[in-house]
Amino acid sequence: MRTSLKQDENILLITRQHWIKLVLPIFVWMLVGALSIWLLQTTGLIITLVAAIYPMSEWLSWKNNLWCVTNLRVVDESGFFSRHSKESPIDKINNVEYDQSIFGRLLGYGNVDIQTAAEMGETTYELINHPKLLKDTITHAQEEYKKSAIKNQAVQLAQAIAASTAPSQQLIADELHKLYDLLQKGAITQDEYAQQKNKLLKS
């Protein structure tokens, strides 16, 4: 991936289109080459070598067209001579779906739809290698991002309260830590955590 990573950013998955994308260019080149050599002999061989530019350019395009999922964003890169890159922040992605045809399930390719709250709206990535893996990786990254945001919020609140010298404030900070631990263990829901936190802060 050519895009530079941000601070505390980790790569979770790098994928690209399925190799089936290259079948047609290679088949066309082989067909043209076979006919050219059969009909034109030496001249046909030269035509075949020149025509190899087509599948080679398609291979370079396939090689450099990739999707990278990190703990912060989804990066879409393409282009070899010219470069194009766009990204979707993990917290701006509203929905991720994938679909596969019968052949797609057999060969391991499909389409992935990503809906975001950004201006780009819905984007469809076609012929993705292992689309379910891409979808699951994005979903997992979203879950971890939300957990991290909640944890950071709880820590900041506790630190702010603990900075006070009043014993009662320290007690509230301790209770906030306990509430967050219960949330992490699944003993309470997100709504229950928010309600109890508000009660503590108002007490």
Protein backbone atom coordinates (compact mmCIF):
# COMPACT_ATOMS: atom_id res chain seq x y z
CA MET A 1 0.00 0.00 0.00
CA ARG A 2 1.35 3.40 -0.99
CA THR A 3 -0.83 5.44 1.39
CA SER A 4 1.03 6.37 4.56
CA LEU A 5 -0.38 5.07 7.82
CA LYS A 6 -1.47 7.47 10.55
CA GLN A 7 -0.30 7.34 14.13
CA ASP A 8 -1.60 4.22 15.93
CA GLU A 9 -3.02 2.89 12.65
CA ASN A 10 -2.66 -0.82 11.88
CA ILE A 11 -3.37 -2.75 8.67
CA LEU A 12 -6.01 -5.45 9.13
CA LEU A 13 -6.46 -6.64 5.54
CA ILE A 14 -5.19 -5.92 2.02
CA THR A 15 -7.17 -7.40 -0.86
CA ARG A 16 -7.77 -6.85 -4.57
CA GLN A 17 -9.96 -8.11 -7.38
CA HIS A 18 -10.10 -11.83 -8.12
CA TRP A 19 -7.72 -13.33 -10.70
CA ILE A 20 -10.73 -13.99 -12.95
CA LYS A 21 -10.38 -10.32 -13.92
CA LEU A 22 -7.31 -11.35 -15.98
CA VAL A 23 -8.89 -14.31 -17.80
CA LEU A 24 -10.42 -12.32 -20.67
CA PRO A 25 -7.31 -10.21 -21.51
CA ILE A 26 -5.07 -13.29 -21.50
CA PHE A 27 -7.56 -15.32 -23.57
CA VAL A 28 -7.90 -12.53 -26.17
CA TRP A 29 -4.12 -12.18 -26.42
CA MET A 30 -3.60 -15.92 -26.86
CA LEU A 31 -6.33 -16.10 -29.51
CA VAL A 32 -4.93 -13.13 -31.44
CA GLY A 33 -1.43 -14.55 -31.14
CA ALA A 34 -2.42 -18.00 -32.35
CA LEU A 35 -4.32 -16.64 -35.36
CA SER A 36 -1.57 -14.16 -36.22
CA ILE A 37 1.22 -16.75 -36.14
CA TRP A 38 -0.89 -19.24 -38.09
CA LEU A 39 -1.85 -16.78 -40.82
CA LEU A 40 1.15 -14.44 -40.94
CA GLN A 41 3.98 -16.57 -39.49
CA THR A 42 6.97 -14.29 -38.70
CA THR A 43 4.92 -11.10 -38.91
CA GLY A 44 2.31 -12.76 -36.72
CA LEU A 45 4.94 -13.42 -34.05
CA ILE A 46 5.80 -9.73 -33.98
CA ILE A 47 2.11 -8.84 -33.73
CA THR A 48 1.75 -11.31 -30.85
CA LEU A 49 4.64 -9.74 -28.95
CA VAL A 50 3.23 -6.24 -29.44
CA ALA A 51 -0.25 -7.41 -28.45
CA ALA A 52 1.20 -8.66 -25.16
CA ILE A 53 1.05 -5.03 -24.03
CA TYR A 54 -2.70 -5.47 -23.51
CA PRO A 55 -2.65 -8.31 -20.92
CA MET A 56 0.45 -6.80 -19.31
CA SER A 57 -1.28 -3.44 -18.79
CA GLU A 58 -4.33 -5.26 -17.38
CA TRP A 59 -2.09 -7.17 -14.98
CA LEU A 60 -0.42 -3.95 -13.78
CA SER A 61 -3.86 -2.40 -13.26
CA TRP A 62 -5.03 -5.48 -11.31
CA LYS A 63 -1.84 -5.56 -9.22
CA ASN A 64 -2.12 -1.91 -8.20
CA ASN A 65 -5.89 -1.81 -7.65
CA LEU A 66 -6.31 -2.78 -4.01
CA TRP A 67 -8.37 -2.21 -0.89
CA CYS A 68 -6.80 -1.88 2.52
CA VAL A 69 -8.75 -2.08 5.79
CA THR A 70 -7.12 -0.57 8.85
CA ASN A 71 -8.41 0.04 12.36
CA LEU A 72 -9.26 3.62 11.27
CA ARG A 73 -10.33 3.57 7.61
CA VAL A 74 -10.86 1.72 4.33
CA VAL A 75 -8.42 2.84 1.63
CA ASP A 76 -9.12 2.27 -2.08
CA GLU A 77 -5.99 2.61 -4.24
CA SER A 78 -5.66 2.22 -8.00
CA GLY A 79 -3.38 3.17 -10.88
CA PHE A 80 0.20 2.37 -11.85
CA PHE A 81 1.49 5.35 -13.83
CA SER A 82 -1.22 7.67 -12.53
CA ARG A 83 -2.42 7.12 -8.98
CA HIS A 84 -5.85 7.43 -7.42
CA SER A 85 -6.74 6.97 -3.77
CA LYS A 86 -9.88 7.49 -1.72
CA GLU A 87 -10.72 6.49 1.81
CA SER A 88 -13.72 5.95 4.06
CA PRO A 89 -13.29 6.49 7.81
CA ILE A 90 -14.44 3.47 9.79
CA ASP A 91 -16.80 5.57 11.91
CA LYS A 92 -18.48 6.98 8.78
CA ILE A 93 -19.40 3.60 7.31
CA ASN A 94 -23.11 2.91 7.87
CA ASN A 95 -23.51 -0.48 6.22
CA VAL A 96 -21.48 -3.18 4.45
CA GLU A 97 -23.03 -5.89 2.25
CA TYR A 98 -21.70 -8.49 -0.15
CA ASP A 99 -23.23 -10.75 -2.78
CA GLN A 100 -21.93 -13.71 -4.75
CA SER A 101 -23.25 -15.59 -7.75
CA ILE A 102 -23.02 -19.38 -7.96
CA PHE A 103 -19.73 -19.15 -9.84
CA GLY A 104 -18.58 -16.49 -7.42
CA ARG A 105 -19.10 -18.85 -4.49
CA LEU A 106 -17.26 -21.64 -6.29
CA LEU A 107 -14.28 -19.50 -7.30
CA GLY A 108 -14.24 -17.13 -4.32
CA TYR A 109 -15.24 -13.75 -5.73
CA GLY A 110 -18.15 -11.31 -5.42
CA ASN A 111 -19.24 -7.71 -5.00
CA VAL A 112 -19.07 -5.60 -1.85
CA ASP A 113 -21.32 -2.56 -1.23
CA ILE A 114 -20.19 0.05 1.28
CA GLN A 115 -22.58 2.80 2.37
CA THR A 116 -21.05 5.78 4.12
CA ALA A 117 -22.23 9.02 5.65
CA ALA A 118 -19.67 10.90 3.55
CA GLU A 119 -20.32 12.57 0.18
CA MET A 120 -19.41 9.43 -1.78
CA GLY A 121 -22.52 7.69 -0.42
CA GLU A 122 -22.69 4.10 -1.68
CA THR A 123 -19.75 2.47 -3.43
CA THR A 124 -19.73 -0.97 -5.06
CA TYR A 125 -16.48 -2.90 -5.36
CA GLU A 126 -16.79 -5.59 -8.04
CA LEU A 127 -15.10 -8.99 -8.43
CA ILE A 128 -13.50 -8.77 -4.99
CA ASN A 129 -11.39 -11.71 -3.86
CA HIS A 130 -13.12 -13.30 -0.81
CA PRO A 131 -15.82 -10.59 -0.38
CA LYS A 132 -17.08 -12.05 2.92
CA LEU A 133 -13.62 -11.64 4.44
CA LEU A 134 -13.56 -7.96 3.40
CA LYS A 135 -17.04 -7.40 4.83
CA ASP A 136 -16.25 -9.19 8.11
CA THR A 137 -12.95 -7.32 8.52
CA ILE A 138 -14.68 -3.94 8.13
CA THR A 139 -17.42 -4.95 10.59
CA HIS A 140 -14.84 -6.13 13.12
CA ALA A 141 -12.88 -2.89 12.72
CA GLN A 142 -16.07 -0.90 13.40
CA GLU A 143 -16.78 -2.85 16.58
CA GLU A 144 -13.24 -2.37 17.87
CA TYR A 145 -13.35 1.33 16.99
CA LYS A 146 -16.55 1.81 19.01
CA LYS A 147 -15.08 -0.08 21.98
CA SER A 148 -11.94 2.05 21.82
CA ALA A 149 -13.99 5.27 21.70
CA ILE A 150 -16.05 4.22 24.73
CA LYS A 151 -12.92 3.23 26.63
CA ASN A 152 -11.19 6.54 25.88
CA GLN A 153 -14.27 8.45 26.98
CA ALA A 154 -14.47 6.53 30.24
CA VAL A 155 -10.77 7.02 30.96
CA GLN A 156 -10.95 10.76 30.25
CA LEU A 157 -13.98 11.18 32.51
CA ALA A 158 -12.34 9.21 35.29
CA GLN A 159 -9.12 11.20 35.01
CA ALA A 160 -10.98 14.50 35.04
CA ILE A 161 -12.93 13.53 38.15
CA ALA A 162 -9.91 12.01 39.87
CA ALA A 163 -8.07 15.30 39.40
CA SER A 164 -10.38 16.77 42.03
CA THR A 165 -9.18 16.42 45.62
CA ALA A 166 -12.67 15.82 47.03
CA PRO A 167 -13.07 12.22 48.34
CA SER A 168 -16.57 12.01 46.87
CA GLN A 169 -15.19 12.80 43.42
CA GLN A 170 -12.62 10.03 43.71
CA LEU A 171 -15.42 7.66 44.65
CA ILE A 172 -17.33 8.61 41.49
CA ALA A 173 -14.21 7.97 39.41
CA ASP A 174 -13.89 4.50 40.92
CA GLU A 175 -17.53 3.76 40.17
CA LEU A 176 -17.08 4.84 36.57
CA HIS A 177 -14.22 2.37 36.21
CA LYS A 178 -16.42 -0.38 37.63
CA LEU A 179 -19.24 0.49 35.24
CA TYR A 180 -16.91 0.36 32.27
CA ASP A 181 -15.59 -3.05 33.36
CA LEU A 182 -19.17 -4.34 33.57
CA LEU A 183 -19.85 -3.01 30.06
CA GLN A 184 -16.77 -4.75 28.68
CA LYS A 185 -17.80 -8.04 30.29
CA GLY A 186 -21.31 -7.75 28.82
CA ALA A 187 -22.95 -7.59 32.25
CA ILE A 188 -24.72 -4.35 31.32
CA THR A 189 -25.85 -2.86 28.00
CA GLN A 190 -24.64 0.35 26.40
CA ASP A 191 -27.88 2.10 27.40
CA GLU A 192 -27.55 0.95 31.01
CA TYR A 193 -23.95 2.14 31.06
CA ALA A 194 -24.99 5.58 29.79
CA GLN A 195 -27.83 5.86 32.34
CA GLN A 196 -25.67 4.88 35.31
CA LYS A 197 -22.85 7.18 34.15
CA ASN A 198 -25.24 10.14 33.96
CA LYS A 199 -26.55 9.38 37.46
CA LEU A 200 -23.01 9.33 38.88
CA LEU A 201 -22.06 12.58 37.20
CA LYS A 202 -25.18 14.32 38.50
CA SER A 203 -24.74 13.04 42.06
